[in-house]
Amino acid sequence: MMKLLFIAFLFPVFIFSQNPMIKKEMNPIMKKKMEIKKKKNLDLKSFEKRKKVEKSIISLWEEYSRAFEYSDFEKIKTYFTYPVTFSLLGDPVIVKSERDLIKLYNQIRSNVQVGYKYSKLEKSRIIWISKDVCMLDATISRFNQNYDKIFTGRGIYMYKRVENSWKMFSMSGIETKNKK
């Protein structure tokens, strides 16, 4: 009797149950929309990641600038990877070691504008060369102790990812017409 009740109860469940959905081909328009949405999400993440890296590169440049202001050559050398190419309105110089970099910065710092006190980043733009290389196009002004602008210039600073940080590997000065 129990078997009969059991069969009577389960029989309609099996007989009237719905067939599992056969995997149907998605509507091509919906498929395309989903692909576009997925790509937008990836692009947004990539964009946010790039913006974060750009902020960190500008921050690194500002730290580098402060180290230059205080003639902290030991700190300056930490912002570079070697060899480094300097093209500061003259023939390019290739620096292959930290010791040579410090010697070069001693020379640069001793020949900076008379009365130089500090530099300020006036304008900047990051241009991506690849996912691991970018360029900072920077317009800087230098000021004296009276906060008078004594120089405005433009530089191209090339950065590349070295392990998990960004390091400068090239620096070029671009001639500008100083209006002071």
C-alpha atoms as a PDB file:
ATOM      1  CA  MET A   1       0.000   0.000   0.000  1.00  0.00           C
ATOM      2  CA  MET A   2       2.808   2.308   0.862  1.00  0.00           C
ATOM      3  CA  LYS A   3       4.474   1.656  -2.494  1.00  0.00           C
ATOM      4  CA  LEU A   4       1.250   2.441  -4.263  1.00  0.00           C
ATOM      5  CA  LEU A   5       0.870   5.783  -2.468  1.00  0.00           C
ATOM      6  CA  PHE A   6       4.474   6.616  -3.120  1.00  0.00           C
ATOM      7  CA  ILE A   7       4.131   5.838  -6.833  1.00  0.00           C
ATOM      8  CA  ALA A   8       0.835   7.727  -7.001  1.00  0.00           C
ATOM      9  CA  PHE A   9       2.478  10.779  -5.467  1.00  0.00           C
ATOM     10  CA  LEU A  10       5.719  10.756  -7.478  1.00  0.00           C
ATOM     11  CA  PHE A  11       4.170   9.703 -10.790  1.00  0.00           C
ATOM     12  CA  PRO A  12       2.614  13.147 -11.524  1.00  0.00           C
ATOM     13  CA  VAL A  13       5.842  14.879 -10.497  1.00  0.00           C
ATOM     14  CA  PHE A  14       7.808  13.028 -13.165  1.00  0.00           C
ATOM     15  CA  ILE A  15       5.079  13.087 -15.768  1.00  0.00           C
ATOM     16  CA  PHE A  16       4.189  16.791 -15.539  1.00  0.00           C
ATOM     17  CA  SER A  17       7.599  18.198 -14.717  1.00  0.00           C
ATOM     18  CA  GLN A  18       9.102  20.634 -17.183  1.00  0.00           C
ATOM     19  CA  ASN A  19      11.946  19.599 -19.379  1.00  0.00           C
ATOM     20  CA  PRO A  20      15.204  21.237 -18.400  1.00  0.00           C
ATOM     21  CA  MET A  21      15.983  24.218 -20.617  1.00  0.00           C
ATOM     22  CA  ILE A  22      18.000  23.213 -23.555  1.00  0.00           C
ATOM     23  CA  LYS A  23      20.822  25.672 -23.935  1.00  0.00           C
ATOM     24  CA  LYS A  24      19.481  28.031 -26.530  1.00  0.00           C
ATOM     25  CA  GLU A  25      21.571  30.268 -28.709  1.00  0.00           C
ATOM     26  CA  MET A  26      21.453  33.821 -27.374  1.00  0.00           C
ATOM     27  CA  ASN A  27      19.871  36.479 -29.516  1.00  0.00           C
ATOM     28  CA  PRO A  28      22.787  37.995 -31.508  1.00  0.00           C
ATOM     29  CA  ILE A  29      21.771  41.541 -30.567  1.00  0.00           C
ATOM     30  CA  MET A  30      21.675  40.691 -26.858  1.00  0.00           C
ATOM     31  CA  LYS A  31      24.972  38.859 -27.179  1.00  0.00           C
ATOM     32  CA  LYS A  32      26.595  41.931 -28.762  1.00  0.00           C
ATOM     33  CA  LYS A  33      25.157  44.214 -26.044  1.00  0.00           C
ATOM     34  CA  MET A  34      26.560  41.962 -23.330  1.00  0.00           C
ATOM     35  CA  GLU A  35      29.990  41.941 -25.001  1.00  0.00           C
ATOM     36  CA  ILE A  36      29.962  45.752 -25.226  1.00  0.00           C
ATOM     37  CA  LYS A  37      28.948  46.070 -21.573  1.00  0.00           C
ATOM     38  CA  LYS A  38      31.700  43.672 -20.516  1.00  0.00           C
ATOM     39  CA  LYS A  39      34.263  45.622 -22.573  1.00  0.00           C
ATOM     40  CA  LYS A  40      33.107  48.924 -21.040  1.00  0.00           C
ATOM     41  CA  ASN A  41      33.583  47.483 -17.553  1.00  0.00           C
ATOM     42  CA  LEU A  42      37.102  46.352 -18.479  1.00  0.00           C
ATOM     43  CA  ASP A  43      37.855  49.739 -20.073  1.00  0.00           C
ATOM     44  CA  LEU A  44      36.626  51.546 -16.962  1.00  0.00           C
ATOM     45  CA  LYS A  45      38.870  49.446 -14.729  1.00  0.00           C
ATOM     46  CA  SER A  46      41.803  50.076 -17.067  1.00  0.00           C
ATOM     47  CA  PHE A  47      41.037  53.813 -17.122  1.00  0.00           C
ATOM     48  CA  GLU A  48      40.830  53.973 -13.316  1.00  0.00           C
ATOM     49  CA  LYS A  49      44.092  52.037 -13.014  1.00  0.00           C
ATOM     50  CA  ARG A  50      45.849  54.408 -15.444  1.00  0.00           C
ATOM     51  CA  LYS A  51      44.571  57.467 -13.589  1.00  0.00           C
ATOM     52  CA  LYS A  52      45.905  56.018 -10.335  1.00  0.00           C
ATOM     53  CA  VAL A  53      49.316  55.406 -11.942  1.00  0.00           C
ATOM     54  CA  GLU A  54      49.316  58.926 -13.427  1.00  0.00           C
ATOM     55  CA  LYS A  55      48.679  60.426  -9.981  1.00  0.00           C
ATOM     56  CA  SER A  56      51.515  58.376  -8.517  1.00  0.00           C
ATOM     57  CA  ILE A  57      53.925  59.465 -11.283  1.00  0.00           C
ATOM     58  CA  ILE A  58      53.117  63.129 -10.696  1.00  0.00           C
ATOM     59  CA  SER A  59      53.562  62.567  -6.977  1.00  0.00           C
ATOM     60  CA  LEU A  60      56.941  60.898  -7.627  1.00  0.00           C
ATOM     61  CA  TRP A  61      57.990  63.864  -9.767  1.00  0.00           C
ATOM     62  CA  GLU A  62      57.015  66.301  -6.989  1.00  0.00           C
ATOM     63  CA  GLU A  63      59.053  64.276  -4.465  1.00  0.00           C
ATOM     64  CA  TYR A  64      61.971  64.291  -6.897  1.00  0.00           C
ATOM     65  CA  SER A  65      61.616  68.069  -7.254  1.00  0.00           C
ATOM     66  CA  ARG A  66      61.736  68.535  -3.461  1.00  0.00           C
ATOM     67  CA  ALA A  67      64.861  66.376  -3.305  1.00  0.00           C
ATOM     68  CA  PHE A  68      66.403  68.628  -5.988  1.00  0.00           C
ATOM     69  CA  GLU A  69      65.364  71.718  -4.011  1.00  0.00           C
ATOM     70  CA  TYR A  70      67.152  70.423  -0.902  1.00  0.00           C
ATOM     71  CA  SER A  71      70.129  69.030  -2.872  1.00  0.00           C
ATOM     72  CA  ASP A  72      69.333  65.575  -1.481  1.00  0.00           C
ATOM     73  CA  PHE A  73      71.302  63.616  -4.067  1.00  0.00           C
ATOM     74  CA  GLU A  74      70.979  60.345  -2.149  1.00  0.00           C
ATOM     75  CA  LYS A  75      67.204  60.664  -2.442  1.00  0.00           C
ATOM     76  CA  ILE A  76      67.353  61.817  -6.076  1.00  0.00           C
ATOM     77  CA  LYS A  77      69.139  58.649  -7.180  1.00  0.00           C
ATOM     78  CA  THR A  78      66.196  56.534  -5.951  1.00  0.00           C
ATOM     79  CA  TYR A  79      63.912  57.987  -8.632  1.00  0.00           C
ATOM     80  CA  PHE A  80      65.952  56.598 -11.537  1.00  0.00           C
ATOM     81  CA  THR A  81      66.723  53.321 -13.247  1.00  0.00           C
ATOM     82  CA  TYR A  82      69.984  52.940 -15.155  1.00  0.00           C
ATOM     83  CA  PRO A  83      71.197  53.813 -17.670  1.00  0.00           C
ATOM     84  CA  VAL A  84      69.605  57.280 -17.686  1.00  0.00           C
ATOM     85  CA  THR A  85      69.667  59.634 -20.643  1.00  0.00           C
ATOM     86  CA  PHE A  86      69.820  63.384 -19.976  1.00  0.00           C
ATOM     87  CA  SER A  87      69.250  65.743 -22.847  1.00  0.00           C
ATOM     88  CA  LEU A  88      69.097  69.136 -21.181  1.00  0.00           C
ATOM     89  CA  LEU A  89      69.289  71.584 -24.088  1.00  0.00           C
ATOM     90  CA  GLY A  90      72.653  70.221 -25.150  1.00  0.00           C
ATOM     91  CA  ASP A  91      74.240  67.001 -26.215  1.00  0.00           C
ATOM     92  CA  PRO A  92      72.705  63.930 -24.571  1.00  0.00           C
ATOM     93  CA  VAL A  93      74.527  62.447 -21.610  1.00  0.00           C
ATOM     94  CA  ILE A  94      74.135  58.809 -20.634  1.00  0.00           C
ATOM     95  CA  VAL A  95      74.561  58.103 -16.935  1.00  0.00           C
ATOM     96  CA  LYS A  96      75.252  54.478 -16.082  1.00  0.00           C
ATOM     97  CA  SER A  97      75.593  54.500 -12.290  1.00  0.00           C
ATOM     98  CA  GLU A  98      74.325  56.150  -9.135  1.00  0.00           C
ATOM     99  CA  ARG A  99      77.769  57.635  -8.477  1.00  0.00           C
ATOM    100  CA  ASP A 100      77.812  59.314 -11.913  1.00  0.00           C
ATOM    101  CA  LEU A 101      74.256  60.542 -11.385  1.00  0.00           C
ATOM    102  CA  ILE A 102      75.211  62.228  -8.111  1.00  0.00           C
ATOM    103  CA  LYS A 103      78.194  63.914  -9.808  1.00  0.00           C
ATOM    104  CA  LEU A 104      75.926  65.164 -12.596  1.00  0.00           C
ATOM    105  CA  TYR A 105      73.352  66.501 -10.132  1.00  0.00           C
ATOM    106  CA  ASN A 106      76.043  68.293  -8.152  1.00  0.00           C
ATOM    107  CA  GLN A 107      76.987  70.047 -11.375  1.00  0.00           C
ATOM    108  CA  ILE A 108      73.360  70.784 -12.389  1.00  0.00           C
ATOM    109  CA  ARG A 109      72.409  72.030  -8.918  1.00  0.00           C
ATOM    110  CA  SER A 110      75.441  74.339  -8.686  1.00  0.00           C
ATOM    111  CA  ASN A 111      74.556  75.926 -12.062  1.00  0.00           C
ATOM    112  CA  VAL A 112      70.837  76.480 -11.474  1.00  0.00           C
ATOM    113  CA  GLN A 113      69.429  80.047 -11.666  1.00  0.00           C
ATOM    114  CA  VAL A 114      70.822  82.526  -9.150  1.00  0.00           C
ATOM    115  CA  GLY A 115      68.571  82.767  -6.121  1.00  0.00           C
ATOM    116  CA  TYR A 116      66.758  79.484  -6.846  1.00  0.00           C
ATOM    117  CA  LYS A 117      64.658  78.349  -3.890  1.00  0.00           C
ATOM    118  CA  TYR A 118      62.052  75.873  -5.199  1.00  0.00           C
ATOM    119  CA  SER A 119      60.194  74.571  -8.259  1.00  0.00           C
ATOM    120  CA  LYS A 120      56.501  74.240  -8.925  1.00  0.00           C
ATOM    121  CA  LEU A 121      54.750  72.001 -11.439  1.00  0.00           C
ATOM    122  CA  GLU A 122      52.597  74.396 -13.478  1.00  0.00           C
ATOM    123  CA  LYS A 123      51.124  72.010 -16.018  1.00  0.00           C
ATOM    124  CA  SER A 124      51.485  68.310 -16.703  1.00  0.00           C
ATOM    125  CA  ARG A 125      50.296  65.690 -19.120  1.00  0.00           C
ATOM    126  CA  ILE A 126      50.937  61.961 -19.126  1.00  0.00           C
ATOM    127  CA  ILE A 127      51.295  60.239 -22.487  1.00  0.00           C
ATOM    128  CA  TRP A 128      51.244  56.450 -22.512  1.00  0.00           C
ATOM    129  CA  ILE A 129      53.744  54.731 -24.774  1.00  0.00           C
ATOM    130  CA  SER A 130      52.881  51.204 -23.623  1.00  0.00           C
ATOM    131  CA  LYS A 131      51.399  49.667 -20.495  1.00  0.00           C
ATOM    132  CA  ASP A 132      54.831  49.848 -18.805  1.00  0.00           C
ATOM    133  CA  VAL A 133      56.234  53.081 -20.283  1.00  0.00           C
ATOM    134  CA  CYS A 134      54.871  56.607 -20.130  1.00  0.00           C
ATOM    135  CA  MET A 135      56.028  60.154 -20.560  1.00  0.00           C
ATOM    136  CA  LEU A 136      55.411  63.132 -18.290  1.00  0.00           C
ATOM    137  CA  ASP A 137      55.284  66.374 -20.266  1.00  0.00           C
ATOM    138  CA  ALA A 138      55.796  68.976 -17.537  1.00  0.00           C
ATOM    139  CA  THR A 139      55.899  72.744 -17.473  1.00  0.00           C
ATOM    140  CA  ILE A 140      57.714  73.944 -14.377  1.00  0.00           C
ATOM    141  CA  SER A 141      58.487  77.291 -12.844  1.00  0.00           C
ATOM    142  CA  ARG A 142      61.336  78.071 -10.507  1.00  0.00           C
ATOM    143  CA  PHE A 143      61.056  80.668  -7.790  1.00  0.00           C
ATOM    144  CA  ASN A 144      63.452  82.556  -5.527  1.00  0.00           C
ATOM    145  CA  GLN A 145      63.182  83.145  -1.785  1.00  0.00           C
ATOM    146  CA  ASN A 146      60.933  86.174  -2.420  1.00  0.00           C
ATOM    147  CA  TYR A 147      58.496  83.913  -4.350  1.00  0.00           C
ATOM    148  CA  ASP A 148      59.367  85.689  -7.602  1.00  0.00           C
ATOM    149  CA  LYS A 149      59.325  83.512 -10.706  1.00  0.00           C
ATOM    150  CA  ILE A 150      62.870  83.350 -12.063  1.00  0.00           C
ATOM    151  CA  PHE A 151      62.454  80.656 -14.709  1.00  0.00           C
ATOM    152  CA  THR A 152      59.800  78.722 -16.612  1.00  0.00           C
ATOM    153  CA  GLY A 153      60.714  75.641 -18.591  1.00  0.00           C
ATOM    154  CA  ARG A 154      59.381  72.449 -19.976  1.00  0.00           C
ATOM    155  CA  GLY A 155      60.696  68.942 -19.571  1.00  0.00           C
ATOM    156  CA  ILE A 156      59.927  65.486 -20.839  1.00  0.00           C
ATOM    157  CA  TYR A 157      60.410  62.816 -18.195  1.00  0.00           C
ATOM    158  CA  MET A 158      60.248  59.207 -19.351  1.00  0.00           C
ATOM    159  CA  TYR A 159      59.122  56.620 -16.799  1.00  0.00           C
ATOM    160  CA  LYS A 160      58.981  52.853 -16.926  1.00  0.00           C
ATOM    161  CA  ARG A 161      57.710  50.224 -14.568  1.00  0.00           C
ATOM    162  CA  VAL A 162      60.598  48.539 -12.796  1.00  0.00           C
ATOM    163  CA  GLU A 163      59.339  45.651 -10.700  1.00  0.00           C
ATOM    164  CA  ASN A 164      56.442  47.288  -8.802  1.00  0.00           C
ATOM    165  CA  SER A 165      57.447  50.934  -9.032  1.00  0.00           C
ATOM    166  CA  TRP A 166      57.885  53.648 -11.633  1.00  0.00           C
ATOM    167  CA  LYS A 167      61.370  54.971 -12.353  1.00  0.00           C
ATOM    168  CA  MET A 168      62.724  57.703 -14.616  1.00  0.00           C
ATOM    169  CA  PHE A 169      65.021  56.569 -17.397  1.00  0.00           C
ATOM    170  CA  SER A 170      65.207  59.689 -19.535  1.00  0.00           C
ATOM    171  CA  MET A 171      64.953  63.427 -19.002  1.00  0.00           C
ATOM    172  CA  SER A 172      64.870  66.036 -21.755  1.00  0.00           C
ATOM    173  CA  GLY A 173      64.588  69.782 -21.607  1.00  0.00           C
ATOM    174  CA  ILE A 174      62.488  71.536 -24.220  1.00  0.00           C
ATOM    175  CA  GLU A 175      63.362  75.069 -25.134  1.00  0.00           C
ATOM    176  CA  THR A 176      60.605  77.547 -24.303  1.00  0.00           C
ATOM    177  CA  LYS A 177      60.224  81.259 -24.718  1.00  0.00           C
ATOM    178  CA  ASN A 178      60.454  82.609 -21.188  1.00  0.00           C
ATOM    179  CA  LYS A 179      58.095  85.440 -20.431  1.00  0.00           C
ATOM    180  CA  LYS A 180      59.220  85.348 -16.804  1.00  0.00           C
END
